[in-house]
Protein backbone atom coordinates (compact mmCIF):
# COMPACT_ATOMS: atom_id res chain seq x y z
CA UNK A 1 124.98 150.95 -100.49
CA UNK A 2 123.77 152.33 -96.97
CA UNK A 3 124.48 150.27 -93.62
CA UNK A 4 124.82 150.03 -90.13
CA UNK A 5 125.78 147.99 -86.76
CA UNK A 6 125.28 148.50 -83.42
CA UNK A 7 125.53 146.05 -80.08
CA UNK A 8 123.76 146.26 -76.74
CA UNK A 9 124.35 143.69 -73.73
CA UNK A 10 120.80 144.05 -73.10
CA UNK A 11 118.92 144.06 -69.97
CA UNK A 12 119.75 141.24 -68.11
CA UNK A 13 123.49 140.31 -68.98
CA UNK A 14 126.21 142.34 -66.73
CA UNK A 15 128.73 141.72 -70.52
CA UNK A 16 128.61 141.79 -74.18
CA UNK A 17 130.09 138.61 -75.83
CA UNK A 18 128.72 139.74 -78.88
CA UNK A 19 130.85 141.19 -81.94
CA UNK A 20 130.20 143.08 -84.68
CA UNK A 21 131.00 145.23 -87.78
CA UNK A 22 130.00 146.47 -91.26
CA UNK A 23 133.89 146.21 -93.46
CA UNK A 24 132.96 149.00 -96.79
CA UNK A 25 135.79 148.87 -99.94
CA UNK A 26 134.27 151.73 -101.66
CA UNK A 27 136.55 151.31 -104.40
CA UNK A 28 135.06 148.31 -105.17
CA UNK A 29 131.49 148.74 -104.17
CA UNK A 30 131.79 145.99 -101.88
CA UNK A 31 130.93 145.74 -98.22
CA UNK A 32 131.44 142.80 -95.93
CA UNK A 33 128.71 142.53 -92.98
CA UNK A 34 129.38 140.28 -89.77
CA UNK A 35 127.93 138.93 -86.38
CA UNK A 36 129.06 136.92 -83.90
CA UNK A 37 127.87 135.61 -80.53
CA UNK A 38 130.58 134.62 -77.68
CA UNK A 39 130.46 131.21 -75.64
CA UNK A 40 131.96 130.70 -72.70
CA UNK A 41 132.43 131.45 -68.96
CA UNK A 42 133.44 134.58 -67.34
CA UNK A 43 135.18 137.41 -70.19
CA UNK A 44 135.96 133.99 -72.51
CA UNK A 45 132.97 134.27 -74.68
CA UNK A 46 134.01 138.02 -75.10
CA UNK A 47 136.91 137.28 -76.13
CA UNK A 48 136.02 134.16 -78.54
CA UNK A 49 134.25 136.86 -80.50
CA UNK A 50 135.78 139.53 -80.90
CA UNK A 51 139.47 137.65 -81.89
CA UNK A 52 137.24 135.34 -84.61
CA UNK A 53 135.33 138.37 -86.07
CA UNK A 54 139.30 140.26 -86.19
CA UNK A 55 140.81 137.54 -87.67
CA UNK A 56 138.09 136.47 -89.85
CA UNK A 57 137.41 140.13 -91.13
CA UNK A 58 141.21 140.78 -91.54
CA UNK A 59 141.36 138.23 -94.04
CA UNK A 60 138.33 138.33 -96.03
CA UNK A 61 140.05 142.02 -96.25
CA UNK A 62 142.93 140.79 -97.65
CA UNK A 63 141.51 138.59 -99.96
CA UNK A 64 138.52 140.76 -101.51
CA UNK A 65 140.17 142.39 -103.74
CA UNK A 66 140.55 138.80 -105.80
CA UNK A 67 137.43 137.76 -105.33
CA UNK A 68 135.16 138.76 -107.95
CA UNK A 69 132.89 135.68 -108.40
CA UNK A 70 131.03 133.80 -106.41
CA UNK A 71 133.06 130.43 -106.00
CA UNK A 72 136.14 132.59 -105.39
CA UNK A 73 134.25 134.90 -102.31
CA UNK A 74 133.04 131.14 -101.01
CA UNK A 75 136.34 129.67 -101.22
CA UNK A 76 137.77 133.17 -99.55
CA UNK A 77 134.69 133.01 -96.53
CA UNK A 78 136.16 128.97 -96.46
CA UNK A 79 139.56 129.98 -95.87
CA UNK A 80 138.63 133.00 -93.39
CA UNK A 81 136.35 130.92 -90.83
CA UNK A 82 139.26 128.50 -91.16
CA UNK A 83 141.96 130.81 -89.60
CA UNK A 84 139.85 132.32 -87.11
CA UNK A 85 138.63 129.33 -86.07
CA UNK A 86 142.20 127.59 -85.28
CA UNK A 87 142.89 131.46 -83.53
CA UNK A 88 139.92 130.79 -80.99
CA UNK A 89 141.20 127.58 -80.59
CA UNK A 90 144.38 127.89 -80.27
CA UNK A 91 143.87 130.46 -77.72
CA UNK A 92 141.29 128.27 -75.89
CA UNK A 93 143.61 125.26 -75.25
CA UNK A 94 146.80 128.04 -74.20
CA UNK A 95 144.88 129.60 -71.75
CA UNK A 96 142.85 128.04 -68.98
CA UNK A 97 140.39 130.93 -68.15
CA UNK A 98 139.00 130.48 -72.24
CA UNK A 99 138.95 126.36 -72.00
CA UNK A 100 136.50 125.46 -74.11
CA UNK A 101 135.20 128.92 -75.47
CA UNK A 102 133.25 129.35 -79.03
CA UNK A 103 130.88 131.86 -81.08
CA UNK A 104 128.61 131.64 -83.51
CA UNK A 105 129.46 133.71 -86.11
CA UNK A 106 127.06 134.82 -89.70
CA UNK A 107 128.50 136.69 -92.55
CA UNK A 108 127.74 138.01 -95.49
CA UNK A 109 130.46 139.68 -98.38
CA UNK A 110 128.09 141.62 -100.60
CA UNK A 111 130.01 142.36 -104.13
CA UNK A 112 127.51 144.96 -106.58
CA UNK A 113 124.02 143.23 -106.11
CA UNK A 114 125.44 139.45 -105.61
CA UNK A 115 125.80 138.26 -101.89
CA UNK A 116 127.38 135.53 -100.26
CA UNK A 117 126.00 134.20 -96.68
CA UNK A 118 128.00 132.44 -94.02
CA UNK A 119 126.75 131.15 -91.07
CA UNK A 120 127.89 128.79 -88.13
CA UNK A 121 125.45 128.67 -84.97
CA UNK A 122 122.40 130.32 -84.57
CA UNK A 123 122.69 133.80 -85.27
CA UNK A 124 120.92 134.16 -88.71
CA UNK A 125 120.88 136.60 -91.76
CA UNK A 126 117.29 137.55 -92.99
CA UNK A 127 116.83 138.98 -96.05
CA UNK A 128 113.66 141.29 -97.38
CA UNK A 129 112.79 142.09 -100.58
CA UNK A 130 110.20 144.01 -101.64
CA UNK A 131 107.56 142.37 -99.04
CA UNK A 132 109.02 138.95 -98.53
CA UNK A 133 110.87 138.53 -95.82
CA UNK A 134 113.36 135.08 -95.34
CA UNK A 135 115.55 133.85 -93.86
CA UNK A 136 118.50 133.15 -95.25
CA UNK A 137 120.49 130.48 -92.21
CA UNK A 138 119.25 127.45 -90.65
CA UNK A 139 120.16 127.86 -87.35
CA UNK A 140 122.92 124.93 -86.15
CA UNK A 141 120.52 124.19 -82.78
CA UNK A 142 119.42 121.36 -80.80
CA UNK A 143 116.10 122.38 -81.47
CA UNK A 144 116.07 123.15 -85.28
CA UNK A 145 116.87 119.60 -85.30
CA UNK A 146 114.21 118.47 -83.11
CA UNK A 147 111.76 120.82 -85.71
CA UNK A 148 112.96 118.83 -88.85
CA UNK A 149 112.36 115.35 -87.35
CA UNK A 150 108.65 116.42 -86.30
CA UNK A 151 109.56 116.16 -82.23
CA UNK A 152 108.39 119.94 -82.18
CA UNK A 153 106.74 123.14 -83.95
CA UNK A 154 108.24 126.25 -84.60
CA UNK A 155 105.96 127.85 -81.92
CA UNK A 156 106.96 125.05 -79.41
CA UNK A 157 110.75 126.35 -79.94
CA UNK A 158 110.39 129.74 -79.36
CA UNK A 159 110.16 128.19 -75.77
CA UNK A 160 112.22 125.48 -75.09
CA UNK A 161 114.30 124.79 -72.49
CA UNK A 162 117.04 123.59 -75.00
CA UNK A 163 116.02 126.63 -77.39
CA UNK A 164 120.22 128.01 -76.48
CA UNK A 165 121.59 124.96 -77.18
CA UNK A 166 123.97 125.02 -80.64
CA UNK A 167 125.38 122.13 -82.38
CA UNK A 168 128.28 123.79 -84.41
CA UNK A 169 130.29 126.81 -83.31
CA UNK A 170 133.83 128.27 -83.95
CA UNK A 171 136.46 127.38 -81.90
CA UNK A 172 135.18 124.86 -79.55
CA UNK A 173 136.76 121.90 -81.54
CA UNK A 174 140.18 121.33 -84.76
CA UNK A 175 137.72 121.80 -87.78
CA UNK A 176 134.44 123.56 -88.18
CA UNK A 177 131.85 123.82 -91.30
CA UNK A 178 129.24 126.24 -92.53
CA UNK A 179 126.44 126.92 -94.35
CA UNK A 180 127.28 128.95 -97.45
CA UNK A 181 124.21 130.76 -99.68
CA UNK A 182 124.54 132.99 -102.45
CA UNK A 183 121.88 135.67 -103.24
CA UNK A 184 121.08 138.24 -105.98
CA UNK A 185 119.39 141.38 -104.73
CA UNK A 186 117.37 144.15 -106.07
CA UNK A 187 117.57 147.25 -105.43
CA UNK A 188 115.65 148.94 -102.18
CA UNK A 189 116.69 144.85 -100.44
CA UNK A 190 117.68 144.48 -96.96
CA UNK A 191 119.57 142.45 -95.62
CA UNK A 192 119.73 142.08 -92.13
CA UNK A 193 122.80 140.11 -89.37
CA UNK A 194 121.36 139.39 -85.94
CA UNK A 195 122.66 137.31 -82.99
CA UNK A 196 119.88 135.35 -80.86
CA UNK A 197 118.99 138.51 -79.06
CA UNK A 198 116.69 139.47 -81.21
CA UNK A 199 115.21 136.50 -82.72
CA UNK A 200 114.32 134.67 -79.51
CA UNK A 201 112.56 137.80 -78.47
CA UNK A 202 111.32 139.36 -81.77
CA UNK A 203 109.24 137.58 -84.08
CA UNK A 204 109.95 137.24 -88.19
CA UNK A 205 107.02 139.03 -88.88
CA UNK A 206 108.10 142.30 -86.42
CA UNK A 207 111.40 141.82 -88.35
CA UNK A 208 109.96 142.42 -91.77
CA UNK A 209 107.68 145.09 -90.69
CA UNK A 210 110.51 146.83 -89.08
CA UNK A 211 113.12 146.08 -92.38
CA UNK A 212 109.90 147.84 -94.81
CA UNK A 213 108.09 150.62 -92.78
CA UNK A 214 112.04 152.38 -92.20
CA UNK A 215 114.05 154.26 -94.45
CA UNK A 216 116.99 153.77 -93.82
CA UNK A 217 120.06 151.54 -91.92
CA UNK A 218 120.38 153.12 -89.01
CA UNK A 219 117.07 153.72 -88.80
CA UNK A 220 115.64 149.85 -89.01
CA UNK A 221 118.90 148.46 -86.75
CA UNK A 222 117.56 151.27 -84.14
CA UNK A 223 114.59 150.54 -84.57
CA UNK A 224 114.54 146.45 -83.86
CA UNK A 225 116.66 147.51 -81.06
CA UNK A 226 114.34 149.50 -79.19
CA UNK A 227 112.02 146.76 -79.68
CA UNK A 228 114.59 143.63 -78.22
CA UNK A 229 115.05 146.31 -75.31
CA UNK A 230 111.65 147.36 -74.59
CA UNK A 231 110.72 143.35 -74.73
CA UNK A 232 112.82 142.73 -71.87
CA UNK A 233 116.12 141.63 -73.89
CA UNK A 234 117.43 138.76 -71.72
CA UNK A 235 120.40 138.29 -73.61
CA UNK A 236 122.42 140.46 -75.52
CA UNK A 237 120.94 142.36 -79.07
CA UNK A 238 123.20 142.60 -82.45
CA UNK A 239 121.67 144.12 -85.26
CA UNK A 240 123.86 144.79 -88.55
CA UNK A 241 121.71 145.96 -91.69
CA UNK A 242 122.32 146.81 -95.08
CA UNK A 243 120.05 148.37 -97.77
CA UNK A 244 121.11 148.06 -101.40
């Protein structure tokens, strides 16, 4: 498996509150992909995303050796999410400068050709198979709920004033729920995980084209990042790509 993860503060923000990683277990043909997009004043968003990513990845890494089927992987991710959520919430309660901080999280564990995807918030996972791109995750956001109620269209949501308001986050409360998805991959498929700094400025059609016409994960990541920066990248941008 070929993978790459890159993040950039973008063209406007002074700091980067995103965190990402790729954690591979070559012996098991397994990999963890992870993107977190922090929220909170001053440096709290950066603290939330970094802490959540570190704790979550540590928990998954320890448990992955015993997780060989989809159900076991889901259980592992749920447990890791609970631990990460508690770590961020407890620090937010203990430190006044971190009060109310939180982070989105989108993660994928791939073992062989089986992928399990988990998300909280509006960081996304996409799956490209052949020429077909599918958004795997559903945003936990105010505008996504408005779309489902028929109040606005998908196109209108891209410029809606409330597009950055999320309805779930890691660390903002004692408990958090995630959505889980199972995928069967084929050779040549791509998985893309990204923060909304990418998906807010690059269309699905452009994402599909970038993934289809690049031969490796590193080139795909850097092309998507270059496209976001060329659009002015008003937010932090994080891109993680796995090519099976």
